[in-house]
Amino acid sequence: MKHVNIRVSGIVQGVSFRYYTQKKADALKIKGFVMNKPDGSVYIEAEAEEDILEQFIEWCQHGPSAARVDHIEISPDTLKNFSSFDIRYSSQGLWD
C-alpha cells in the first residue's frame, strides 16, 4: 500500500471534480479524501496499491469532461489507513 497527496490546478472547482473523483476512487477501491482549496485547486489524499494509484493519477491529469487540468502535483506521504474515500468540506463551508 502507498499513500500520495495530489493537488490539481486549473478549472477544477464548480465542475463536479470532487464528485467524479470520489466515483473513480470508489471504482478503483482507493481510500482517502478529496476537497476544494481556497486557492481554486483540488486536494486529494489517496491510498492503494501502486498500480492502482497510477491509474488514478492518470485520471486526475484529465478529470471529468467539464474540467481543465493545468497542473498536477504528486507527493508521497505516510499511510493513514483511511477506511473509505470521502468528499471533505471546509469548516466555513466556503469551498464546498
PDB file of N, CA and C in Angstrom:
ATOM      1  N   MET A   1       0.836  -1.189   0.000  1.00  0.00           N
ATOM      2  CA  MET A   1       0.000   0.000   0.000  1.00  0.00           C
ATOM      3  C   MET A   1       0.878   1.249   0.000  1.00  0.00           C
ATOM      4  N   LYS A   2       0.414   2.249  -0.735  1.00  0.00           N
ATOM      5  CA  LYS A   2       1.115   3.530  -0.788  1.00  0.00           C
ATOM      6  C   LYS A   2       0.111   4.657  -0.547  1.00  0.00           C
ATOM      7  N   HIS A   3       0.646   5.793  -0.142  1.00  0.00           N
ATOM      8  CA  HIS A   3      -0.154   6.997   0.090  1.00  0.00           C
ATOM      9  C   HIS A   3       0.444   8.119  -0.742  1.00  0.00           C
ATOM     10  N   VAL A   4      -0.414   8.844  -1.471  1.00  0.00           N
ATOM     11  CA  VAL A   4       0.038  10.021  -2.207  1.00  0.00           C
ATOM     12  C   VAL A   4      -0.888  11.196  -1.915  1.00  0.00           C
ATOM     13  N   ASN A   5      -0.295  12.382  -1.917  1.00  0.00           N
ATOM     14  CA  ASN A   5      -1.035  13.635  -1.858  1.00  0.00           C
ATOM     15  C   ASN A   5      -1.008  14.211  -3.266  1.00  0.00           C
ATOM     16  N   ILE A   6      -2.162  14.651  -3.740  1.00  0.00           N
ATOM     17  CA  ILE A   6      -2.285  15.161  -5.104  1.00  0.00           C
ATOM     18  C   ILE A   6      -2.955  16.525  -5.050  1.00  0.00           C
ATOM     19  N   ARG A   7      -2.364  17.495  -5.718  1.00  0.00           N
ATOM     20  CA  ARG A   7      -3.003  18.816  -5.867  1.00  0.00           C
ATOM     21  C   ARG A   7      -3.215  19.044  -7.354  1.00  0.00           C
ATOM     22  N   VAL A   8      -4.467  19.321  -7.710  1.00  0.00           N
ATOM     23  CA  VAL A   8      -4.841  19.512  -9.100  1.00  0.00           C
ATOM     24  C   VAL A   8      -5.274  20.965  -9.285  1.00  0.00           C
ATOM     25  N   SER A   9      -4.657  21.652 -10.251  1.00  0.00           N
ATOM     26  CA  SER A   9      -4.957  23.061 -10.519  1.00  0.00           C
ATOM     27  C   SER A   9      -5.498  23.224 -11.932  1.00  0.00           C
ATOM     28  N   GLY A  10      -6.260  24.279 -12.116  1.00  0.00           N
ATOM     29  CA  GLY A  10      -6.875  24.583 -13.402  1.00  0.00           C
ATOM     30  C   GLY A  10      -8.328  24.952 -13.165  1.00  0.00           C
ATOM     31  N   ILE A  11      -9.190  24.584 -14.079  1.00  0.00           N
ATOM     32  CA  ILE A  11     -10.630  24.758 -13.864  1.00  0.00           C
ATOM     33  C   ILE A  11     -11.121  23.452 -13.263  1.00  0.00           C
ATOM     34  N   VAL A  12     -11.038  23.380 -11.928  1.00  0.00           N
ATOM     35  CA  VAL A  12     -11.334  22.132 -11.224  1.00  0.00           C
ATOM     36  C   VAL A  12     -12.352  22.315 -10.096  1.00  0.00           C
ATOM     37  N   GLN A  13     -12.830  23.530  -9.903  1.00  0.00           N
ATOM     38  CA  GLN A  13     -13.920  23.762  -8.957  1.00  0.00           C
ATOM     39  C   GLN A  13     -15.132  24.236  -9.736  1.00  0.00           C
ATOM     40  N   GLY A  14     -16.307  23.790  -9.287  1.00  0.00           N
ATOM     41  CA  GLY A  14     -17.548  24.144  -9.977  1.00  0.00           C
ATOM     42  C   GLY A  14     -17.817  23.279 -11.187  1.00  0.00           C
ATOM     43  N   VAL A  15     -17.087  22.176 -11.325  1.00  0.00           N
ATOM     44  CA  VAL A  15     -17.261  21.264 -12.473  1.00  0.00           C
ATOM     45  C   VAL A  15     -17.452  19.813 -12.006  1.00  0.00           C
ATOM     46  N   SER A  16     -17.863  19.650 -10.740  1.00  0.00           N
ATOM     47  CA  SER A  16     -18.103  18.324 -10.136  1.00  0.00           C
ATOM     48  C   SER A  16     -16.839  17.473 -10.051  1.00  0.00           C
ATOM     49  N   PHE A  17     -15.684  18.110  -9.962  1.00  0.00           N
ATOM     50  CA  PHE A  17     -14.430  17.367  -9.889  1.00  0.00           C
ATOM     51  C   PHE A  17     -14.407  16.446  -8.675  1.00  0.00           C
ATOM     52  N   ARG A  18     -14.841  16.952  -7.512  1.00  0.00           N
ATOM     53  CA  ARG A  18     -14.806  16.124  -6.295  1.00  0.00           C
ATOM     54  C   ARG A  18     -15.742  14.923  -6.433  1.00  0.00           C
ATOM     55  N   TYR A  19     -16.927  15.149  -6.963  1.00  0.00           N
ATOM     56  CA  TYR A  19     -17.893  14.058  -7.136  1.00  0.00           C
ATOM     57  C   TYR A  19     -17.325  12.956  -8.030  1.00  0.00           C
ATOM     58  N   TYR A  20     -16.784  13.329  -9.171  1.00  0.00           N
ATOM     59  CA  TYR A  20     -16.246  12.329 -10.098  1.00  0.00           C
ATOM     60  C   TYR A  20     -14.955  11.695  -9.563  1.00  0.00           C
ATOM     61  N   THR A  21     -14.200  12.449  -8.775  1.00  0.00           N
ATOM     62  CA  THR A  21     -13.010  11.878  -8.139  1.00  0.00           C
ATOM     63  C   THR A  21     -13.422  10.782  -7.166  1.00  0.00           C
ATOM     64  N   GLN A  22     -14.454  11.046  -6.385  1.00  0.00           N
ATOM     65  CA  GLN A  22     -14.943  10.034  -5.450  1.00  0.00           C
ATOM     66  C   GLN A  22     -15.452   8.799  -6.192  1.00  0.00           C
ATOM     67  N   LYS A  23     -16.184   9.005  -7.278  1.00  0.00           N
ATOM     68  CA  LYS A  23     -16.681   7.868  -8.063  1.00  0.00           C
ATOM     69  C   LYS A  23     -15.528   7.033  -8.623  1.00  0.00           C
ATOM     70  N   LYS A  24     -14.492   7.695  -9.143  1.00  0.00           N
ATOM     71  CA  LYS A  24     -13.334   6.983  -9.697  1.00  0.00           C
ATOM     72  C   LYS A  24     -12.594   6.244  -8.586  1.00  0.00           C
ATOM     73  N   ALA A  25     -12.394   6.905  -7.456  1.00  0.00           N
ATOM     74  CA  ALA A  25     -11.706   6.274  -6.330  1.00  0.00           C
ATOM     75  C   ALA A  25     -12.481   5.049  -5.835  1.00  0.00           C
ATOM     76  N   ASP A  26     -13.781   5.169  -5.726  1.00  0.00           N
ATOM     77  CA  ASP A  26     -14.596   4.038  -5.286  1.00  0.00           C
ATOM     78  C   ASP A  26     -14.502   2.883  -6.278  1.00  0.00           C
ATOM     79  N   ALA A  27     -14.523   3.188  -7.561  1.00  0.00           N
ATOM     80  CA  ALA A  27     -14.434   2.150  -8.592  1.00  0.00           C
ATOM     81  C   ALA A  27     -13.103   1.403  -8.515  1.00  0.00           C
ATOM     82  N   LEU A  28     -12.037   2.139  -8.145  1.00  0.00           N
ATOM     83  CA  LEU A  28     -10.705   1.533  -8.045  1.00  0.00           C
ATOM     84  C   LEU A  28     -10.398   1.017  -6.634  1.00  0.00           C
ATOM     85  N   LYS A  29     -11.355   1.188  -5.718  1.00  0.00           N
ATOM     86  CA  LYS A  29     -11.187   0.771  -4.321  1.00  0.00           C
ATOM     87  C   LYS A  29     -10.045   1.522  -3.625  1.00  0.00           C
ATOM     88  N   ILE A  30      -9.946   2.812  -3.937  1.00  0.00           N
ATOM     89  CA  ILE A  30      -8.959   3.696  -3.314  1.00  0.00           C
ATOM     90  C   ILE A  30      -9.588   4.309  -2.070  1.00  0.00           C
ATOM     91  N   LYS A  31      -8.796   4.473  -1.044  1.00  0.00           N
ATOM     92  CA  LYS A  31      -9.241   5.101   0.205  1.00  0.00           C
ATOM     93  C   LYS A  31      -8.579   6.465   0.331  1.00  0.00           C
ATOM     94  N   GLY A  32      -9.288   7.411   0.968  1.00  0.00           N
ATOM     95  CA  GLY A  32      -8.731   8.741   1.178  1.00  0.00           C
ATOM     96  C   GLY A  32      -9.808   9.795   1.161  1.00  0.00           C
ATOM     97  N   PHE A  33      -9.481  10.961   0.596  1.00  0.00           N
ATOM     98  CA  PHE A  33     -10.466  12.046   0.514  1.00  0.00           C
ATOM     99  C   PHE A  33     -10.076  13.040  -0.573  1.00  0.00           C
ATOM    100  N   VAL A  34     -11.044  13.882  -0.919  1.00  0.00           N
ATOM    101  CA  VAL A  34     -10.857  14.968  -1.873  1.00  0.00           C
ATOM    102  C   VAL A  34     -11.520  16.212  -1.287  1.00  0.00           C
ATOM    103  N   MET A  35     -10.905  17.367  -1.514  1.00  0.00           N
ATOM    104  CA  MET A  35     -11.501  18.613  -1.036  1.00  0.00           C
ATOM    105  C   MET A  35     -11.053  19.792  -1.900  1.00  0.00           C
ATOM    106  N   ASN A  36     -11.912  20.805  -1.965  1.00  0.00           N
ATOM    107  CA  ASN A  36     -11.558  22.057  -2.626  1.00  0.00           C
ATOM    108  C   ASN A  36     -10.667  22.862  -1.695  1.00  0.00           C
ATOM    109  N   LYS A  37      -9.735  23.621  -2.275  1.00  0.00           N
ATOM    110  CA  LYS A  37      -8.873  24.505  -1.511  1.00  0.00           C
ATOM    111  C   LYS A  37      -9.206  25.957  -1.862  1.00  0.00           C
ATOM    112  N   PRO A  38      -8.978  26.888  -0.933  1.00  0.00           N
ATOM    113  CA  PRO A  38      -9.293  28.299  -1.176  1.00  0.00           C
ATOM    114  C   PRO A  38      -8.597  28.900  -2.395  1.00  0.00           C
ATOM    115  N   ASP A  39      -7.452  28.331  -2.809  1.00  0.00           N
ATOM    116  CA  ASP A  39      -6.729  28.868  -3.964  1.00  0.00           C
ATOM    117  C   ASP A  39      -7.315  28.407  -5.305  1.00  0.00           C
ATOM    118  N   GLY A  40      -8.420  27.656  -5.269  1.00  0.00           N
ATOM    119  CA  GLY A  40      -9.066  27.199  -6.501  1.00  0.00           C
ATOM    120  C   GLY A  40      -8.639  25.811  -6.946  1.00  0.00           C
ATOM    121  N   SER A  41      -7.690  25.201  -6.231  1.00  0.00           N
ATOM    122  CA  SER A  41      -7.238  23.856  -6.579  1.00  0.00           C
ATOM    123  C   SER A  41      -8.088  22.806  -5.865  1.00  0.00           C
ATOM    124  N   VAL A  42      -7.859  21.563  -6.227  1.00  0.00           N
ATOM    125  CA  VAL A  42      -8.468  20.425  -5.545  1.00  0.00           C
ATOM    126  C   VAL A  42      -7.340  19.613  -4.929  1.00  0.00           C
ATOM    127  N   TYR A  43      -7.514  19.229  -3.671  1.00  0.00           N
ATOM    128  CA  TYR A  43      -6.509  18.465  -2.934  1.00  0.00           C
ATOM    129  C   TYR A  43      -7.047  17.070  -2.664  1.00  0.00           C
ATOM    130  N   ILE A  44      -6.210  16.060  -2.920  1.00  0.00           N
ATOM    131  CA  ILE A  44      -6.609  14.662  -2.766  1.00  0.00           C
ATOM    132  C   ILE A  44      -5.540  13.935  -1.955  1.00  0.00           C
ATOM    133  N   GLU A  45      -5.973  13.104  -1.035  1.00  0.00           N
ATOM    134  CA  GLU A  45      -5.089  12.123  -0.406  1.00  0.00           C
ATOM    135  C   GLU A  45      -5.645  10.760  -0.780  1.00  0.00           C
ATOM    136  N   ALA A  46      -4.775   9.883  -1.284  1.00  0.00           N
ATOM    137  CA  ALA A  46      -5.229   8.592  -1.796  1.00  0.00           C
ATOM    138  C   ALA A  46      -4.299   7.475  -1.347  1.00  0.00           C
ATOM    139  N   GLU A  47      -4.903   6.327  -0.998  1.00  0.00           N
ATOM    140  CA  GLU A  47      -4.143   5.156  -0.588  1.00  0.00           C
ATOM    141  C   GLU A  47      -4.628   3.929  -1.336  1.00  0.00           C
ATOM    142  N   ALA A  48      -3.669   3.196  -1.913  1.00  0.00           N
ATOM    143  CA  ALA A  48      -3.962   1.954  -2.640  1.00  0.00           C
ATOM    144  C   ALA A  48      -2.633   1.336  -3.048  1.00  0.00           C
ATOM    145  N   GLU A  49      -2.712   0.226  -3.748  1.00  0.00           N
ATOM    146  CA  GLU A  49      -1.513  -0.369  -4.320  1.00  0.00           C
ATOM    147  C   GLU A  49      -0.979   0.563  -5.408  1.00  0.00           C
ATOM    148  N   GLU A  50       0.317   0.491  -5.658  1.00  0.00           N
ATOM    149  CA  GLU A  50       0.975   1.432  -6.579  1.00  0.00           C
ATOM    150  C   GLU A  50       0.353   1.429  -7.977  1.00  0.00           C
ATOM    151  N   ASP A  51       0.045   0.256  -8.533  1.00  0.00           N
ATOM    152  CA  ASP A  51      -0.517   0.207  -9.885  1.00  0.00           C
ATOM    153  C   ASP A  51      -1.905   0.843  -9.946  1.00  0.00           C
ATOM    154  N   ILE A  52      -2.671   0.717  -8.882  1.00  0.00           N
ATOM    155  CA  ILE A  52      -3.997   1.342  -8.823  1.00  0.00           C
ATOM    156  C   ILE A  52      -3.837   2.862  -8.720  1.00  0.00           C
ATOM    157  N   LEU A  53      -2.906   3.309  -7.888  1.00  0.00           N
ATOM    158  CA  LEU A  53      -2.664   4.750  -7.767  1.00  0.00           C
ATOM    159  C   LEU A  53      -2.217   5.348  -9.093  1.00  0.00           C
ATOM    160  N   GLU A  54      -1.431   4.617  -9.861  1.00  0.00           N
ATOM    161  CA  GLU A  54      -1.002   5.113 -11.172  1.00  0.00           C
ATOM    162  C   GLU A  54      -2.203   5.343 -12.085  1.00  0.00           C
ATOM    163  N   GLN A  55      -3.166   4.430 -12.076  1.00  0.00           N
ATOM    164  CA  GLN A  55      -4.387   4.597 -12.876  1.00  0.00           C
ATOM    165  C   GLN A  55      -5.171   5.825 -12.409  1.00  0.00           C
ATOM    166  N   PHE A  56      -5.257   5.990 -11.097  1.00  0.00           N
ATOM    167  CA  PHE A  56      -5.986   7.117 -10.518  1.00  0.00           C
ATOM    168  C   PHE A  56      -5.317   8.444 -10.872  1.00  0.00           C
ATOM    169  N   ILE A  57      -4.000   8.494 -10.756  1.00  0.00           N
ATOM    170  CA  ILE A  57      -3.262   9.715 -11.095  1.00  0.00           C
ATOM    171  C   ILE A  57      -3.442  10.053 -12.570  1.00  0.00           C
ATOM    172  N   GLU A  58      -3.420   9.046 -13.427  1.00  0.00           N
ATOM    173  CA  GLU A  58      -3.669   9.273 -14.858  1.00  0.00           C
ATOM    174  C   GLU A  58      -5.034   9.925 -15.061  1.00  0.00           C
ATOM    175  N   TRP A  59      -6.049   9.425 -14.357  1.00  0.00           N
ATOM    176  CA  TRP A  59      -7.383  10.012 -14.470  1.00  0.00           C
ATOM    177  C   TRP A  59      -7.371  11.457 -13.965  1.00  0.00           C
ATOM    178  N   CYS A  60      -6.687  11.723 -12.842  1.00  0.00           N
ATOM    179  CA  CYS A  60      -6.633  13.067 -12.267  1.00  0.00           C
ATOM    180  C   CYS A  60      -5.990  14.076 -13.211  1.00  0.00           C
ATOM    181  N   GLN A  61      -5.139  13.624 -14.112  1.00  0.00           N
ATOM    182  CA  GLN A  61      -4.493  14.525 -15.058  1.00  0.00           C
ATOM    183  C   GLN A  61      -5.480  15.091 -16.077  1.00  0.00           C
ATOM    184  N   HIS A  62      -6.663  14.498 -16.149  1.00  0.00           N
ATOM    185  CA  HIS A  62      -7.693  14.973 -17.077  1.00  0.00           C
ATOM    186  C   HIS A  62      -8.975  15.343 -16.338  1.00  0.00           C
ATOM    187  N   GLY A  63      -9.353  14.544 -15.340  1.00  0.00           N
ATOM    188  CA  GLY A  63     -10.564  14.794 -14.568  1.00  0.00           C
ATOM    189  C   GLY A  63     -11.817  14.604 -15.398  1.00  0.00           C
ATOM    190  N   PRO A  64     -12.947  15.087 -14.891  1.00  0.00           N
ATOM    191  CA  PRO A  64     -14.204  14.969 -15.630  1.00  0.00           C
ATOM    192  C   PRO A  64     -14.193  15.864 -16.875  1.00  0.00           C
ATOM    193  N   SER A  65     -15.123  15.627 -17.764  1.00  0.00           N
ATOM    194  CA  SER A  65     -15.115  16.316 -19.060  1.00  0.00           C
ATOM    195  C   SER A  65     -15.226  17.834 -18.949  1.00  0.00           C
ATOM    196  N   ALA A  66     -15.894  18.352 -17.916  1.00  0.00           N
ATOM    197  CA  ALA A  66     -16.057  19.805 -17.778  1.00  0.00           C
ATOM    198  C   ALA A  66     -14.822  20.484 -17.177  1.00  0.00           C
ATOM    199  N   ALA A  67     -13.885  19.713 -16.665  1.00  0.00           N
ATOM    200  CA  ALA A  67     -12.693  20.273 -16.029  1.00  0.00           C
ATOM    201  C   ALA A  67     -11.606  20.564 -17.059  1.00  0.00           C
ATOM    202  N   ARG A  68     -10.705  21.465 -16.670  1.00  0.00           N
ATOM    203  CA  ARG A  68      -9.476  21.684 -17.436  1.00  0.00           C
ATOM    204  C   ARG A  68      -8.314  21.645 -16.446  1.00  0.00           C
ATOM    205  N   VAL A  69      -7.547  20.579 -16.500  1.00  0.00           N
ATOM    206  CA  VAL A  69      -6.415  20.419 -15.590  1.00  0.00           C
ATOM    207  C   VAL A  69      -5.194  21.073 -16.223  1.00  0.00           C
ATOM    208  N   ASP A  70      -4.642  22.068 -15.525  1.00  0.00           N
ATOM    209  CA  ASP A  70      -3.447  22.770 -15.999  1.00  0.00           C
ATOM    210  C   ASP A  70      -2.181  22.218 -15.362  1.00  0.00           C
ATOM    211  N   HIS A  71      -2.304  21.745 -14.124  1.00  0.00           N
ATOM    212  CA  HIS A  71      -1.109  21.304 -13.387  1.00  0.00           C
ATOM    213  C   HIS A  71      -1.520  20.298 -12.325  1.00  0.00           C
ATOM    214  N   ILE A  72      -0.656  19.325 -12.098  1.00  0.00           N
ATOM    215  CA  ILE A  72      -0.888  18.338 -11.046  1.00  0.00           C
ATOM    216  C   ILE A  72       0.421  18.121 -10.291  1.00  0.00           C
ATOM    217  N   GLU A  73       0.344  18.140  -8.974  1.00  0.00           N
ATOM    218  CA  GLU A  73       1.500  17.889  -8.112  1.00  0.00           C
ATOM    219  C   GLU A  73       1.222  16.617  -7.320  1.00  0.00           C
ATOM    220  N   ILE A  74       2.200  15.738  -7.261  1.00  0.00           N
ATOM    221  CA  ILE A  74       2.049  14.474  -6.555  1.00  0.00           C
ATOM    222  C   ILE A  74       3.210  14.327  -5.584  1.00  0.00           C
ATOM    223  N   SER A  75       2.901  14.007  -4.340  1.00  0.00           N
ATOM    224  CA  SER A  75       3.967  13.758  -3.368  1.00  0.00           C
ATOM    225  C   SER A  75       3.593  12.571  -2.495  1.00  0.00           C
ATOM    226  N   PRO A  76       4.573  11.694  -2.222  1.00  0.00           N
ATOM    227  CA  PRO A  76       4.305  10.556  -1.344  1.00  0.00           C
ATOM    228  C   PRO A  76       4.171  11.020   0.102  1.00  0.00           C
ATOM    229  N   ASP A  77       3.486  10.226   0.893  1.00  0.00           N
ATOM    230  CA  ASP A  77       3.307  10.533   2.309  1.00  0.00           C
ATOM    231  C   ASP A  77       3.168   9.206   3.052  1.00  0.00           C
ATOM    232  N   THR A  78       3.079   9.272   4.361  1.00  0.00           N
ATOM    233  CA  THR A  78       2.929   8.055   5.148  1.00  0.00           C
ATOM    234  C   THR A  78       1.480   7.575   5.111  1.00  0.00           C
ATOM    235  N   LEU A  79       1.294   6.270   5.227  1.00  0.00           N
ATOM    236  CA  LEU A  79      -0.052   5.693   5.230  1.00  0.00           C
ATOM    237  C   LEU A  79      -0.854   6.217   6.410  1.00  0.00           C
ATOM    238  N   LYS A  80      -2.122   6.502   6.155  1.00  0.00           N
ATOM    239  CA  LYS A  80      -3.020   6.960   7.212  1.00  0.00           C
ATOM    240  C   LYS A  80      -4.150   5.958   7.432  1.00  0.00           C
ATOM    241  N   ASN A  81      -4.193   4.917   6.612  1.00  0.00           N
ATOM    242  CA  ASN A  81      -5.172   3.835   6.759  1.00  0.00           C
ATOM    243  C   ASN A  81      -6.621   4.326   6.761  1.00  0.00           C
ATOM    244  N   PHE A  82      -6.972   5.097   5.746  1.00  0.00           N
ATOM    245  CA  PHE A  82      -8.353   5.544   5.591  1.00  0.00           C
ATOM    246  C   PHE A  82      -9.262   4.331   5.407  1.00  0.00           C
ATOM    247  N   SER A  83     -10.510   4.459   5.821  1.00  0.00           N
ATOM    248  CA  SER A  83     -11.449   3.346   5.689  1.00  0.00           C
ATOM    249  C   SER A  83     -12.391   3.512   4.499  1.00  0.00           C
ATOM    250  N   SER A  84     -12.411   4.695   3.899  1.00  0.00           N
ATOM    251  CA  SER A  84     -13.290   4.967   2.754  1.00  0.00           C
ATOM    252  C   SER A  84     -12.688   6.127   1.968  1.00  0.00           C
ATOM    253  N   PHE A  85     -13.359   6.522   0.894  1.00  0.00           N
ATOM    254  CA  PHE A  85     -12.951   7.715   0.145  1.00  0.00           C
ATOM    255  C   PHE A  85     -14.083   8.718   0.252  1.00  0.00           C
ATOM    256  N   ASP A  86     -13.786   9.885   0.820  1.00  0.00           N
ATOM    257  CA  ASP A  86     -14.819  10.867   1.138  1.00  0.00           C
ATOM    258  C   ASP A  86     -14.564  12.211   0.480  1.00  0.00           C
ATOM    259  N   ILE A  87     -15.631  12.955   0.324  1.00  0.00           N
ATOM    260  CA  ILE A  87     -15.536  14.365  -0.047  1.00  0.00           C
ATOM    261  C   ILE A  87     -15.520  15.146   1.256  1.00  0.00           C
ATOM    262  N   ARG A  88     -14.502  15.957   1.442  1.00  0.00           N
ATOM    263  CA  ARG A  88     -14.414  16.787   2.646  1.00  0.00           C
ATOM    264  C   ARG A  88     -14.771  18.219   2.291  1.00  0.00           C
ATOM    265  N   TYR A  89     -15.343  18.903   3.253  1.00  0.00           N
ATOM    266  CA  TYR A  89     -15.781  20.280   3.087  1.00  0.00           C
ATOM    267  C   TYR A  89     -15.046  21.160   4.071  1.00  0.00           C
ATOM    268  N   SER A  90     -14.860  22.437   3.716  1.00  0.00           N
ATOM    269  CA  SER A  90     -14.187  23.363   4.614  1.00  0.00           C
ATOM    270  C   SER A  90     -15.072  23.618   5.833  1.00  0.00           C
ATOM    271  N   SER A  91     -14.466  23.963   6.935  1.00  0.00           N
ATOM    272  CA  SER A  91     -15.228  24.206   8.157  1.00  0.00           C
ATOM    273  C   SER A  91     -16.135  25.428   8.010  1.00  0.00           C
ATOM    274  N   GLN A  92     -15.773  26.366   7.163  1.00  0.00           N
ATOM    275  CA  GLN A  92     -16.610  27.545   6.942  1.00  0.00           C
ATOM    276  C   GLN A  92     -17.675  27.304   5.869  1.00  0.00           C
ATOM    277  N   GLY A  93     -17.549  26.218   5.125  1.00  0.00           N
ATOM    278  CA  GLY A  93     -18.498  25.952   4.067  1.00  0.00           C
ATOM    279  C   GLY A  93     -18.292  26.814   2.828  1.00  0.00           C
ATOM    280  N   LEU A  94     -17.155  27.528   2.766  1.00  0.00           N
ATOM    281  CA  LEU A  94     -16.921  28.444   1.649  1.00  0.00           C
ATOM    282  C   LEU A  94     -16.467  27.743   0.377  1.00  0.00           C
ATOM    283  N   TRP A  95     -15.910  26.570   0.508  1.00  0.00           N
ATOM    284  CA  TRP A  95     -15.318  25.904  -0.666  1.00  0.00           C
ATOM    285  C   TRP A  95     -15.956  24.561  -0.918  1.00  0.00           C
ATOM    286  N   ASP A  96     -17.263  24.473  -0.781  1.00  0.00           N
ATOM    287  CA  ASP A  96     -17.993  23.232  -0.995  1.00  0.00           C
ATOM    288  C   ASP A  96     -18.297  22.989  -2.450  1.00  0.00           C
TER     289      ASP A  96
END
